[in-house]
């Protein structure tokens, strides 16, 4: 009897561990991957709204998130510039399995919500305009301005946050073009629904998103 109870406890502990271990420790970004030059990417970059059903590997996710706003020359700097180096852009990855926040210094995707919530990027939450193609992208990268990093939420902070989100988005656009992925920069999203899902405050504003995948 004691052995049976012990077996059950061990099994339950194993299930709990497996359920809790949902963060994704990414492999180091591949600095030697094949890619076209920056000039070629600038010349050929274009928006795409159709995606194949091929999913991204953890290596491809690592490369993509690093290109967006990963650690560059040292822990204090990112691949995308931000005003006064405040690093106020928080990056979230929406997949068909879960939603993660990208932690650049740890090279980690930290799970913040279970399940497929890509639909929050398809429309504005008002029941009107929608772009359902977003739900077919294997990953949607969402940029959130964290005004806490500015210590202000005035018009200047908003302007600079928007500029910095644009910098991250353009990194995504050019990286995707250079390695054979496809994407499109967008502003449509259900901001209220996203704030609730991600546990954001009124000082954190979802501002842009990039659905990313491979050509159909």
N, C-alpha and C. Protein backbone atom coordinates (compact mmCIF):
# COMPACT_ATOMS: atom_id res chain seq x y z
N UNK A 1 0.83 -1.21 0.00
CA UNK A 1 0.00 0.00 0.00
C UNK A 1 0.86 1.26 0.00
N UNK A 2 1.89 1.24 0.89
CA UNK A 2 2.79 2.39 0.96
C UNK A 2 3.51 2.60 -0.36
N UNK A 3 3.89 1.46 -0.99
CA UNK A 3 4.58 1.54 -2.27
C UNK A 3 3.68 2.14 -3.34
N UNK A 4 2.39 1.78 -3.32
CA UNK A 4 1.43 2.30 -4.29
C UNK A 4 1.25 3.80 -4.13
N UNK A 5 1.14 4.24 -2.87
CA UNK A 5 0.99 5.68 -2.60
C UNK A 5 2.22 6.44 -3.07
N UNK A 6 3.41 5.87 -2.80
CA UNK A 6 4.66 6.51 -3.23
C UNK A 6 4.72 6.60 -4.74
N UNK A 7 4.29 5.55 -5.42
CA UNK A 7 4.28 5.54 -6.88
C UNK A 7 3.38 6.63 -7.42
N UNK A 8 2.20 6.81 -6.81
CA UNK A 8 1.25 7.84 -7.24
C UNK A 8 1.84 9.23 -7.04
N UNK A 9 2.49 9.42 -5.87
CA UNK A 9 3.09 10.74 -5.58
C UNK A 9 4.18 11.07 -6.58
N UNK A 10 5.03 10.09 -6.88
CA UNK A 10 6.11 10.30 -7.85
C UNK A 10 5.53 10.63 -9.22
N UNK A 11 4.47 9.90 -9.61
CA UNK A 11 3.84 10.15 -10.91
C UNK A 11 3.25 11.54 -10.98
N UNK A 12 2.58 11.96 -9.91
CA UNK A 12 1.98 13.30 -9.88
C UNK A 12 3.06 14.37 -9.93
N UNK A 13 4.15 14.15 -9.24
CA UNK A 13 5.26 15.11 -9.26
C UNK A 13 5.84 15.23 -10.65
N UNK A 14 5.92 14.09 -11.35
CA UNK A 14 6.45 14.09 -12.71
C UNK A 14 5.55 14.87 -13.64
N UNK A 15 4.22 14.67 -13.51
CA UNK A 15 3.26 15.41 -14.33
C UNK A 15 3.36 16.89 -14.07
N UNK A 16 3.46 17.27 -12.77
CA UNK A 16 3.56 18.68 -12.42
C UNK A 16 4.81 19.30 -13.01
N UNK A 17 5.92 18.56 -12.93
CA UNK A 17 7.18 19.07 -13.47
C UNK A 17 7.07 19.29 -14.96
N UNK A 18 6.47 18.34 -15.67
CA UNK A 18 6.35 18.44 -17.11
C UNK A 18 5.45 19.61 -17.50
N UNK A 19 4.40 19.85 -16.70
CA UNK A 19 3.48 20.96 -17.00
C UNK A 19 4.14 22.29 -16.72
N UNK A 20 4.99 22.33 -15.65
CA UNK A 20 5.60 23.59 -15.26
C UNK A 20 6.75 23.97 -16.17
N UNK A 21 7.40 22.98 -16.79
CA UNK A 21 8.57 23.24 -17.61
C UNK A 21 8.16 23.65 -19.01
N UNK A 22 7.57 24.83 -19.11
CA UNK A 22 7.03 25.27 -20.39
C UNK A 22 7.81 26.43 -21.01
N UNK A 23 8.77 26.98 -20.28
CA UNK A 23 9.64 27.98 -20.89
C UNK A 23 10.52 27.28 -21.92
N UNK A 24 11.00 28.03 -22.89
CA UNK A 24 11.88 27.47 -23.91
C UNK A 24 13.24 28.14 -23.83
N UNK A 25 14.23 27.39 -23.41
CA UNK A 25 15.60 27.89 -23.41
C UNK A 25 16.13 27.75 -24.84
N UNK A 26 16.35 28.86 -25.48
CA UNK A 26 16.72 28.84 -26.89
C UNK A 26 18.21 28.54 -27.07
N UNK A 27 18.55 27.88 -28.17
CA UNK A 27 19.97 27.71 -28.50
C UNK A 27 20.57 29.07 -28.86
N UNK A 28 21.86 29.18 -28.77
CA UNK A 28 22.52 30.44 -29.13
C UNK A 28 22.20 30.80 -30.58
N UNK A 29 21.97 32.08 -30.87
CA UNK A 29 21.71 32.47 -32.26
C UNK A 29 22.88 32.10 -33.16
N UNK A 30 22.55 31.65 -34.36
CA UNK A 30 23.56 31.21 -35.32
C UNK A 30 24.11 32.42 -36.07
N UNK A 31 25.33 32.79 -35.76
CA UNK A 31 25.95 33.95 -36.38
C UNK A 31 26.57 33.65 -37.74
N UNK A 32 26.52 32.39 -38.16
CA UNK A 32 27.13 32.02 -39.44
C UNK A 32 26.09 31.47 -40.42
N UNK A 33 24.82 31.72 -40.15
CA UNK A 33 23.77 31.21 -41.04
C UNK A 33 23.84 31.89 -42.40
N UNK A 34 23.40 31.16 -43.40
CA UNK A 34 23.39 31.72 -44.76
C UNK A 34 22.34 32.82 -44.86
N UNK A 35 22.74 33.95 -45.42
CA UNK A 35 21.81 35.07 -45.58
C UNK A 35 22.32 35.99 -46.68
N UNK A 36 21.39 36.72 -47.29
CA UNK A 36 21.79 37.70 -48.29
C UNK A 36 22.34 38.94 -47.61
N UNK A 37 22.95 39.81 -48.34
CA UNK A 37 23.52 41.03 -47.78
C UNK A 37 22.41 42.00 -47.38
N UNK A 38 22.75 42.96 -46.54
CA UNK A 38 21.80 43.99 -46.14
C UNK A 38 21.28 44.75 -47.37
N UNK A 39 22.17 45.05 -48.30
CA UNK A 39 21.78 45.77 -49.51
C UNK A 39 20.77 44.95 -50.31
N UNK A 40 21.02 43.66 -50.47
CA UNK A 40 20.08 42.80 -51.20
C UNK A 40 18.74 42.72 -50.48
N UNK A 41 18.78 42.63 -49.14
CA UNK A 41 17.53 42.56 -48.37
C UNK A 41 16.73 43.85 -48.51
N UNK A 42 17.42 44.98 -48.50
CA UNK A 42 16.74 46.27 -48.68
C UNK A 42 16.10 46.36 -50.07
N UNK A 43 16.80 45.85 -51.06
CA UNK A 43 16.31 45.94 -52.44
C UNK A 43 15.10 45.03 -52.67
N UNK A 44 15.07 43.87 -52.02
CA UNK A 44 14.04 42.88 -52.34
C UNK A 44 12.96 42.73 -51.27
N UNK A 45 13.11 43.42 -50.13
CA UNK A 45 12.15 43.29 -49.05
C UNK A 45 10.73 43.60 -49.52
N UNK A 46 9.77 42.78 -49.08
CA UNK A 46 8.36 43.01 -49.42
C UNK A 46 7.49 42.32 -48.37
N UNK A 47 6.25 42.79 -48.26
CA UNK A 47 5.32 42.21 -47.30
C UNK A 47 4.62 41.00 -47.91
N UNK A 48 4.40 39.98 -47.09
CA UNK A 48 3.72 38.76 -47.53
C UNK A 48 2.67 38.38 -46.50
N UNK A 49 1.50 38.00 -47.00
CA UNK A 49 0.37 37.66 -46.12
C UNK A 49 -0.07 36.21 -46.27
N UNK A 50 0.76 35.39 -46.89
CA UNK A 50 0.47 33.97 -47.01
C UNK A 50 1.66 33.18 -46.47
N UNK A 51 1.36 32.13 -45.72
CA UNK A 51 2.40 31.36 -45.06
C UNK A 51 2.18 29.87 -45.29
N UNK A 52 3.28 29.13 -45.39
CA UNK A 52 3.18 27.68 -45.45
C UNK A 52 2.88 27.16 -44.04
N UNK A 53 2.61 25.87 -43.93
CA UNK A 53 2.33 25.29 -42.61
C UNK A 53 3.60 24.82 -41.89
N UNK A 54 4.74 25.15 -42.44
CA UNK A 54 6.01 24.79 -41.80
C UNK A 54 6.22 25.62 -40.54
N UNK A 55 6.51 24.95 -39.43
CA UNK A 55 6.76 25.64 -38.17
C UNK A 55 8.24 25.98 -38.02
N UNK A 56 8.51 26.95 -37.17
CA UNK A 56 9.90 27.33 -36.92
C UNK A 56 10.51 26.42 -35.86
N UNK A 57 11.75 26.04 -36.08
CA UNK A 57 12.48 25.29 -35.06
C UNK A 57 12.91 26.25 -33.95
N UNK A 58 13.36 25.70 -32.84
CA UNK A 58 13.87 26.54 -31.76
C UNK A 58 15.07 27.35 -32.22
N UNK A 59 15.90 26.78 -33.09
CA UNK A 59 17.04 27.53 -33.61
C UNK A 59 16.57 28.71 -34.44
N UNK A 60 15.56 28.48 -35.27
CA UNK A 60 15.03 29.57 -36.10
C UNK A 60 14.35 30.63 -35.25
N UNK A 61 13.67 30.22 -34.18
CA UNK A 61 13.07 31.19 -33.26
C UNK A 61 14.14 32.01 -32.57
N UNK A 62 15.23 31.35 -32.17
CA UNK A 62 16.34 32.05 -31.53
C UNK A 62 16.93 33.09 -32.46
N UNK A 63 17.19 32.69 -33.70
CA UNK A 63 17.77 33.61 -34.68
C UNK A 63 16.84 34.81 -34.92
N UNK A 64 15.55 34.52 -35.04
CA UNK A 64 14.56 35.56 -35.34
C UNK A 64 14.43 36.56 -34.19
N UNK A 65 14.27 36.06 -32.98
CA UNK A 65 14.12 36.95 -31.83
C UNK A 65 15.39 37.76 -31.59
N UNK A 66 16.54 37.11 -31.78
CA UNK A 66 17.81 37.85 -31.63
C UNK A 66 17.88 38.98 -32.65
N UNK A 67 17.52 38.70 -33.89
CA UNK A 67 17.55 39.75 -34.92
C UNK A 67 16.60 40.88 -34.57
N UNK A 68 15.48 40.56 -33.97
CA UNK A 68 14.48 41.58 -33.62
C UNK A 68 15.01 42.54 -32.57
N UNK A 69 15.44 42.00 -31.44
CA UNK A 69 15.94 42.87 -30.36
C UNK A 69 16.76 42.06 -29.35
N UNK A 70 17.65 41.23 -29.86
CA UNK A 70 18.49 40.44 -28.98
C UNK A 70 19.72 41.20 -28.51
N UNK A 71 20.51 40.54 -27.69
CA UNK A 71 21.75 41.14 -27.18
C UNK A 71 22.74 41.27 -28.31
N UNK A 72 23.32 42.47 -28.45
CA UNK A 72 24.29 42.68 -29.54
C UNK A 72 25.71 42.64 -28.98
N UNK A 73 26.37 43.78 -28.91
CA UNK A 73 27.80 43.74 -28.56
C UNK A 73 28.05 43.46 -27.07
N UNK A 74 27.07 43.73 -26.22
CA UNK A 74 27.17 43.37 -24.80
C UNK A 74 25.76 43.36 -24.21
N UNK A 75 25.66 42.98 -22.94
CA UNK A 75 24.35 42.79 -22.31
C UNK A 75 23.53 44.07 -22.23
N UNK A 76 24.18 45.21 -22.36
CA UNK A 76 23.47 46.49 -22.24
C UNK A 76 22.95 47.02 -23.57
N UNK A 77 23.22 46.31 -24.66
CA UNK A 77 22.81 46.82 -25.97
C UNK A 77 22.03 45.77 -26.74
N UNK A 78 21.17 46.25 -27.63
CA UNK A 78 20.30 45.37 -28.41
C UNK A 78 20.56 45.56 -29.90
N UNK A 79 20.10 44.60 -30.69
CA UNK A 79 20.25 44.70 -32.13
C UNK A 79 19.41 45.82 -32.72
N UNK A 80 18.37 46.26 -32.01
CA UNK A 80 17.55 47.39 -32.44
C UNK A 80 17.79 48.56 -31.49
N UNK A 81 18.02 49.78 -32.01
CA UNK A 81 18.26 50.92 -31.14
C UNK A 81 16.99 51.37 -30.43
N UNK A 82 17.14 51.92 -29.24
CA UNK A 82 16.01 52.54 -28.52
C UNK A 82 16.46 53.87 -27.95
N UNK A 83 15.52 54.78 -27.76
CA UNK A 83 15.82 56.12 -27.26
C UNK A 83 16.52 56.04 -25.91
N UNK A 84 17.67 56.70 -25.81
CA UNK A 84 18.47 56.74 -24.58
C UNK A 84 18.79 55.33 -24.08
N UNK A 85 18.77 54.36 -24.99
CA UNK A 85 19.05 52.96 -24.66
C UNK A 85 18.17 52.46 -23.51
N UNK A 86 16.90 52.89 -23.52
CA UNK A 86 15.98 52.48 -22.45
C UNK A 86 15.48 51.04 -22.61
N UNK A 87 15.62 50.48 -23.79
CA UNK A 87 15.20 49.09 -24.05
C UNK A 87 13.76 48.88 -23.60
N UNK A 88 12.88 49.79 -24.01
CA UNK A 88 11.49 49.76 -23.54
C UNK A 88 10.58 48.86 -24.37
N UNK A 89 11.10 48.28 -25.44
CA UNK A 89 10.27 47.40 -26.27
C UNK A 89 10.35 45.97 -25.76
N UNK A 90 9.22 45.45 -25.33
CA UNK A 90 9.12 44.06 -24.89
C UNK A 90 8.57 43.24 -26.06
N UNK A 91 9.18 42.09 -26.31
CA UNK A 91 8.82 41.27 -27.46
C UNK A 91 8.13 39.99 -27.00
N UNK A 92 6.96 39.73 -27.60
CA UNK A 92 6.19 38.52 -27.29
C UNK A 92 6.04 37.69 -28.55
N UNK A 93 6.09 36.37 -28.38
CA UNK A 93 5.93 35.44 -29.50
C UNK A 93 4.64 34.63 -29.29
N UNK A 94 3.69 34.80 -30.22
CA UNK A 94 2.43 34.06 -30.19
C UNK A 94 2.56 32.87 -31.15
N UNK A 95 2.37 31.66 -30.64
CA UNK A 95 2.41 30.46 -31.47
C UNK A 95 1.09 29.70 -31.32
N UNK A 96 0.99 28.56 -31.99
CA UNK A 96 -0.23 27.76 -31.88
C UNK A 96 -0.28 26.99 -30.56
N UNK A 97 0.80 27.02 -29.79
CA UNK A 97 0.86 26.29 -28.52
C UNK A 97 0.75 27.20 -27.31
N UNK A 98 1.35 28.37 -27.38
CA UNK A 98 1.41 29.25 -26.21
C UNK A 98 1.89 30.64 -26.63
N UNK A 99 1.91 31.53 -25.65
CA UNK A 99 2.45 32.88 -25.84
C UNK A 99 3.64 33.03 -24.91
N UNK A 100 4.73 33.56 -25.44
CA UNK A 100 5.97 33.69 -24.69
C UNK A 100 6.48 35.13 -24.73
N UNK A 101 7.20 35.52 -23.68
CA UNK A 101 7.95 36.77 -23.73
C UNK A 101 9.41 36.43 -23.96
N UNK A 102 10.02 37.14 -24.90
CA UNK A 102 11.43 36.93 -25.19
C UNK A 102 12.29 37.68 -24.18
N UNK A 103 13.13 36.94 -23.47
CA UNK A 103 14.05 37.51 -22.51
C UNK A 103 15.44 37.50 -23.14
N UNK A 104 15.86 38.66 -23.62
CA UNK A 104 17.08 38.74 -24.43
C UNK A 104 18.32 38.31 -23.66
N UNK A 105 18.50 38.81 -22.44
CA UNK A 105 19.72 38.49 -21.70
C UNK A 105 19.84 37.01 -21.38
N UNK A 106 18.72 36.33 -21.23
CA UNK A 106 18.73 34.90 -20.92
C UNK A 106 18.57 34.04 -22.17
N UNK A 107 18.30 34.69 -23.31
CA UNK A 107 17.99 33.98 -24.55
C UNK A 107 16.92 32.92 -24.30
N UNK A 108 15.82 33.39 -23.73
CA UNK A 108 14.76 32.52 -23.22
C UNK A 108 13.40 33.01 -23.71
N UNK A 109 12.53 32.05 -24.06
CA UNK A 109 11.13 32.36 -24.30
C UNK A 109 10.37 31.94 -23.05
N UNK A 110 9.91 32.92 -22.29
CA UNK A 110 9.21 32.65 -21.03
C UNK A 110 7.71 32.59 -21.28
N UNK A 111 7.10 31.46 -20.97
CA UNK A 111 5.68 31.31 -21.25
C UNK A 111 4.84 32.20 -20.34
N UNK A 112 3.92 32.95 -20.95
CA UNK A 112 3.03 33.81 -20.18
C UNK A 112 1.57 33.39 -20.33
N UNK A 113 1.25 32.60 -21.35
CA UNK A 113 -0.13 32.14 -21.53
C UNK A 113 -0.13 30.86 -22.35
N UNK A 114 -0.90 29.90 -21.92
CA UNK A 114 -1.02 28.64 -22.64
C UNK A 114 -2.06 28.77 -23.74
N UNK A 115 -1.91 27.99 -24.81
CA UNK A 115 -2.91 27.97 -25.87
C UNK A 115 -2.60 28.90 -27.03
N UNK A 116 -3.44 28.79 -28.05
CA UNK A 116 -3.28 29.57 -29.29
C UNK A 116 -4.08 30.87 -29.19
N UNK A 117 -3.38 32.00 -29.16
CA UNK A 117 -4.03 33.30 -29.04
C UNK A 117 -3.64 34.23 -30.19
N UNK A 118 -3.22 33.64 -31.30
CA UNK A 118 -2.83 34.44 -32.46
C UNK A 118 -3.98 35.31 -32.96
N UNK A 119 -5.23 34.87 -32.70
CA UNK A 119 -6.40 35.62 -33.17
C UNK A 119 -6.47 37.03 -32.58
N UNK A 120 -5.79 37.27 -31.46
CA UNK A 120 -5.78 38.62 -30.89
C UNK A 120 -5.08 39.60 -31.81
N UNK A 121 -4.30 39.08 -32.74
CA UNK A 121 -3.61 39.93 -33.71
C UNK A 121 -4.38 40.07 -35.02
N UNK A 122 -5.46 39.33 -35.16
CA UNK A 122 -6.20 39.34 -36.43
C UNK A 122 -7.14 40.52 -36.56
N UNK A 123 -7.70 40.97 -35.45
CA UNK A 123 -8.65 42.08 -35.50
C UNK A 123 -8.47 43.02 -34.33
N UNK A 124 -9.27 44.08 -34.30
CA UNK A 124 -9.12 45.08 -33.25
C UNK A 124 -9.98 44.81 -32.02
N UNK A 125 -10.68 43.67 -32.03
CA UNK A 125 -11.50 43.32 -30.88
C UNK A 125 -12.87 43.93 -30.90
N UNK A 126 -13.16 44.71 -31.93
CA UNK A 126 -14.46 45.38 -32.01
C UNK A 126 -15.49 44.61 -32.82
N UNK A 127 -15.11 43.43 -33.31
CA UNK A 127 -16.05 42.62 -34.07
C UNK A 127 -16.23 43.08 -35.51
N UNK A 128 -15.36 43.98 -35.96
CA UNK A 128 -15.47 44.49 -37.32
C UNK A 128 -14.34 44.00 -38.20
N UNK A 129 -13.37 44.86 -38.45
CA UNK A 129 -12.25 44.57 -39.35
C UNK A 129 -11.38 43.44 -38.80
N UNK A 130 -11.14 42.42 -39.62
CA UNK A 130 -10.24 41.33 -39.24
C UNK A 130 -9.38 40.93 -40.43
N UNK A 131 -8.23 40.36 -40.14
CA UNK A 131 -7.33 39.81 -41.16
C UNK A 131 -6.94 38.41 -40.70
N UNK A 132 -7.75 37.44 -41.09
CA UNK A 132 -7.60 36.08 -40.57
C UNK A 132 -6.33 35.39 -41.03
N UNK A 133 -5.64 35.93 -42.04
CA UNK A 133 -4.40 35.29 -42.48
C UNK A 133 -3.38 35.21 -41.35
N UNK A 134 -3.51 36.11 -40.38
CA UNK A 134 -2.56 36.13 -39.25
C UNK A 134 -2.56 34.79 -38.52
N UNK A 135 -3.72 34.14 -38.45
CA UNK A 135 -3.82 32.88 -37.72
C UNK A 135 -3.08 31.74 -38.39
N UNK A 136 -2.67 31.92 -39.64
CA UNK A 136 -1.93 30.87 -40.34
C UNK A 136 -0.42 31.04 -40.21
N UNK A 137 0.03 32.16 -39.65
CA UNK A 137 1.47 32.37 -39.44
C UNK A 137 1.92 31.53 -38.25
N UNK A 138 3.00 30.77 -38.38
CA UNK A 138 3.44 29.92 -37.26
C UNK A 138 3.83 30.70 -36.01
N UNK A 139 4.25 31.94 -36.17
CA UNK A 139 4.57 32.78 -35.02
C UNK A 139 4.22 34.22 -35.35
N UNK A 140 3.68 34.92 -34.37
CA UNK A 140 3.42 36.36 -34.51
C UNK A 140 4.22 37.06 -33.42
N UNK A 141 5.12 37.94 -33.83
CA UNK A 141 5.91 38.70 -32.88
C UNK A 141 5.21 40.02 -32.57
N UNK A 142 4.98 40.27 -31.30
CA UNK A 142 4.25 41.46 -30.86
C UNK A 142 5.18 42.36 -30.06
N UNK A 143 5.18 43.64 -30.43
CA UNK A 143 6.00 44.63 -29.74
C UNK A 143 5.15 45.44 -28.77
N UNK A 144 5.60 45.54 -27.54
CA UNK A 144 4.90 46.27 -26.49
C UNK A 144 5.80 47.37 -25.95
N UNK A 145 5.30 48.59 -25.91
CA UNK A 145 6.05 49.69 -25.31
C UNK A 145 5.85 49.65 -23.80
N UNK A 146 6.93 49.59 -23.05
CA UNK A 146 6.86 49.62 -21.59
C UNK A 146 7.28 51.01 -21.12
N UNK A 147 6.29 51.85 -20.83
CA UNK A 147 6.58 53.23 -20.44
C UNK A 147 7.27 53.33 -19.09
N UNK A 148 7.23 52.25 -18.31
CA UNK A 148 7.95 52.25 -17.04
C UNK A 148 9.44 52.48 -17.26
N UNK A 149 9.95 52.03 -18.41
CA UNK A 149 11.36 52.19 -18.71
C UNK A 149 11.72 53.64 -19.01
N UNK A 150 10.71 54.43 -19.42
CA UNK A 150 10.92 55.86 -19.67
C UNK A 150 10.70 56.68 -18.41
N UNK A 151 9.89 56.16 -17.49
CA UNK A 151 9.51 56.94 -16.33
C UNK A 151 8.50 58.00 -16.67
N UNK A 152 7.88 57.88 -17.84
CA UNK A 152 6.90 58.87 -18.29
C UNK A 152 6.03 58.23 -19.37
N UNK A 153 4.84 58.78 -19.51
CA UNK A 153 3.94 58.33 -20.56
C UNK A 153 3.42 59.53 -21.35
N UNK A 154 4.26 60.56 -21.45
CA UNK A 154 3.85 61.77 -22.15
C UNK A 154 3.96 61.57 -23.67
N UNK A 155 3.64 62.60 -24.41
CA UNK A 155 3.63 62.49 -25.88
C UNK A 155 5.01 62.15 -26.43
N UNK A 156 6.06 62.68 -25.82
CA UNK A 156 7.40 62.39 -26.31
C UNK A 156 7.75 60.92 -26.09
N UNK A 157 7.38 60.38 -24.93
CA UNK A 157 7.64 58.97 -24.66
C UNK A 157 6.88 58.07 -25.64
N UNK A 158 5.64 58.45 -25.94
CA UNK A 158 4.86 57.68 -26.90
C UNK A 158 5.49 57.73 -28.29
N UNK A 159 5.92 58.92 -28.70
CA UNK A 159 6.54 59.07 -30.01
C UNK A 159 7.80 58.21 -30.11
N UNK A 160 8.66 58.29 -29.09
CA UNK A 160 9.90 57.53 -29.13
C UNK A 160 9.63 56.02 -29.05
N UNK A 161 8.62 55.62 -28.27
CA UNK A 161 8.27 54.21 -28.19
C UNK A 161 7.81 53.68 -29.53
N UNK A 162 7.03 54.48 -30.25
CA UNK A 162 6.57 54.08 -31.58
C UNK A 162 7.73 53.96 -32.56
N UNK A 163 8.65 54.91 -32.49
CA UNK A 163 9.84 54.86 -33.35
C UNK A 163 10.64 53.60 -33.05
N UNK A 164 10.84 53.30 -31.77
CA UNK A 164 11.65 52.14 -31.39
C UNK A 164 10.97 50.83 -31.77
N UNK A 165 9.66 50.77 -31.66
CA UNK A 165 8.93 49.57 -32.11
C UNK A 165 9.11 49.40 -33.61
N UNK A 166 9.12 50.52 -34.34
CA UNK A 166 9.37 50.47 -35.78
C UNK A 166 10.76 49.94 -36.09
N UNK A 167 11.74 50.31 -35.25
CA UNK A 167 13.10 49.79 -35.45
C UNK A 167 13.13 48.27 -35.30
N UNK A 168 12.45 47.76 -34.28
CA UNK A 168 12.40 46.31 -34.06
C UNK A 168 11.69 45.63 -35.23
N UNK A 169 10.58 46.21 -35.66
CA UNK A 169 9.83 45.64 -36.78
C UNK A 169 10.68 45.59 -38.05
N UNK A 170 11.43 46.65 -38.31
CA UNK A 170 12.25 46.66 -39.53
C UNK A 170 13.38 45.64 -39.43
N UNK A 171 13.92 45.44 -38.23
CA UNK A 171 14.89 44.35 -38.06
C UNK A 171 14.27 43.02 -38.47
N UNK A 172 13.03 42.79 -38.04
CA UNK A 172 12.33 41.55 -38.38
C UNK A 172 12.13 41.46 -39.89
N UNK A 173 11.69 42.56 -40.50
CA UNK A 173 11.44 42.57 -41.94
C UNK A 173 12.70 42.21 -42.74
N UNK A 174 13.80 42.86 -42.41
CA UNK A 174 15.04 42.65 -43.15
C UNK A 174 15.64 41.28 -42.87
N UNK A 175 15.55 40.84 -41.62
CA UNK A 175 16.07 39.51 -41.31
C UNK A 175 15.30 38.44 -42.07
N UNK A 176 13.97 38.53 -42.04
CA UNK A 176 13.16 37.54 -42.74
C UNK A 176 13.50 37.49 -44.23
N UNK A 177 13.63 38.66 -44.83
CA UNK A 177 13.97 38.69 -46.24
C UNK A 177 15.33 38.07 -46.51
N UNK A 178 16.26 38.27 -45.61
CA UNK A 178 17.63 37.81 -45.84
C UNK A 178 17.79 36.31 -45.71
N UNK A 179 16.88 35.65 -44.97
CA UNK A 179 17.04 34.20 -44.74
C UNK A 179 15.92 33.36 -45.35
N UNK A 180 15.04 33.99 -46.13
CA UNK A 180 14.01 33.23 -46.82
C UNK A 180 12.71 33.06 -46.07
N UNK A 181 12.54 33.82 -44.98
CA UNK A 181 11.25 33.84 -44.30
C UNK A 181 10.39 34.97 -44.88
N UNK A 182 9.13 35.01 -44.48
CA UNK A 182 8.25 36.08 -44.95
C UNK A 182 7.52 36.69 -43.76
N UNK A 183 7.14 37.96 -43.91
CA UNK A 183 6.47 38.66 -42.83
C UNK A 183 5.76 39.89 -43.38
N UNK A 184 4.99 40.56 -42.51
CA UNK A 184 4.36 41.83 -42.84
C UNK A 184 4.21 42.62 -41.53
N UNK A 185 4.63 43.88 -41.50
CA UNK A 185 4.45 44.70 -40.30
C UNK A 185 3.00 45.18 -40.20
N UNK A 186 2.43 45.13 -38.99
CA UNK A 186 1.02 45.47 -38.82
C UNK A 186 0.81 46.24 -37.52
N UNK A 187 -0.30 46.99 -37.49
CA UNK A 187 -0.69 47.68 -36.26
C UNK A 187 -2.02 47.16 -35.72
N UNK A 188 -2.79 46.44 -36.55
CA UNK A 188 -4.08 45.91 -36.12
C UNK A 188 -3.89 44.84 -35.05
N UNK A 189 -4.59 44.97 -33.94
CA UNK A 189 -4.59 43.96 -32.87
C UNK A 189 -5.65 44.34 -31.84
N UNK A 190 -6.06 43.37 -31.05
CA UNK A 190 -7.01 43.60 -29.96
C UNK A 190 -6.20 44.01 -28.73
N UNK A 191 -6.02 45.31 -28.57
CA UNK A 191 -5.16 45.82 -27.50
C UNK A 191 -5.70 45.45 -26.12
N UNK A 192 -7.01 45.63 -25.92
CA UNK A 192 -7.60 45.32 -24.62
C UNK A 192 -7.46 43.83 -24.30
N UNK A 193 -7.75 42.99 -25.29
CA UNK A 193 -7.64 41.55 -25.08
C UNK A 193 -6.21 41.12 -24.81
N UNK A 194 -5.27 41.77 -25.49
CA UNK A 194 -3.87 41.44 -25.32
C UNK A 194 -3.37 41.88 -23.94
N UNK A 195 -3.80 43.04 -23.51
CA UNK A 195 -3.40 43.50 -22.18
C UNK A 195 -3.88 42.53 -21.11
N UNK A 196 -5.10 42.05 -21.26
CA UNK A 196 -5.65 41.11 -20.29
C UNK A 196 -4.89 39.79 -20.32
N UNK A 197 -4.64 39.26 -21.51
CA UNK A 197 -3.95 37.99 -21.65
C UNK A 197 -2.53 38.04 -21.08
N UNK A 198 -1.81 39.12 -21.40
CA UNK A 198 -0.41 39.23 -21.02
C UNK A 198 -0.20 39.80 -19.62
N UNK A 199 -1.29 40.25 -19.00
CA UNK A 199 -1.18 40.83 -17.67
C UNK A 199 -0.49 42.18 -17.68
N UNK A 200 -0.72 42.96 -18.75
CA UNK A 200 -0.07 44.27 -18.88
C UNK A 200 -0.82 45.32 -18.07
N UNK A 201 -0.13 46.38 -17.72
CA UNK A 201 -0.74 47.50 -17.03
C UNK A 201 -1.07 48.60 -18.04
N UNK A 202 -1.67 49.68 -17.56
CA UNK A 202 -1.99 50.78 -18.46
C UNK A 202 -0.74 51.56 -18.87
N UNK A 203 0.42 51.17 -18.33
CA UNK A 203 1.69 51.78 -18.72
C UNK A 203 2.46 50.91 -19.72
N UNK A 204 1.79 49.89 -20.24
CA UNK A 204 2.40 49.00 -21.23
C UNK A 204 1.43 48.88 -22.40
N UNK A 205 1.90 49.27 -23.58
CA UNK A 205 1.02 49.40 -24.74
C UNK A 205 1.45 48.50 -25.89
N UNK A 206 0.64 47.50 -26.27
CA UNK A 206 0.90 46.74 -27.50
C UNK A 206 0.76 47.69 -28.69
N UNK A 207 1.77 47.73 -29.57
CA UNK A 207 1.79 48.76 -30.60
C UNK A 207 1.94 48.23 -32.02
N UNK A 208 2.66 47.10 -32.21
CA UNK A 208 2.87 46.54 -33.54
C UNK A 208 2.98 45.03 -33.45
N UNK A 209 2.78 44.39 -34.60
CA UNK A 209 3.05 42.95 -34.66
C UNK A 209 3.52 42.56 -36.05
N UNK A 210 4.30 41.49 -36.10
CA UNK A 210 4.81 40.92 -37.35
C UNK A 210 4.50 39.42 -37.39
N UNK A 211 3.52 38.99 -38.17
CA UNK A 211 3.37 37.55 -38.41
C UNK A 211 4.57 37.06 -39.21
N UNK A 212 5.13 35.92 -38.83
CA UNK A 212 6.34 35.42 -39.48
C UNK A 212 6.18 33.94 -39.83
N UNK A 213 6.67 33.56 -41.00
CA UNK A 213 6.66 32.16 -41.39
C UNK A 213 7.51 31.95 -42.62
N UNK A 214 7.18 30.92 -43.36
CA UNK A 214 7.88 30.60 -44.59
C UNK A 214 6.92 30.75 -45.78
N UNK A 215 7.42 30.99 -46.97
CA UNK A 215 6.56 31.22 -48.13
C UNK A 215 5.65 30.03 -48.40
N UNK A 216 4.44 30.32 -48.80
CA UNK A 216 3.47 29.27 -49.11
C UNK A 216 3.80 28.63 -50.45
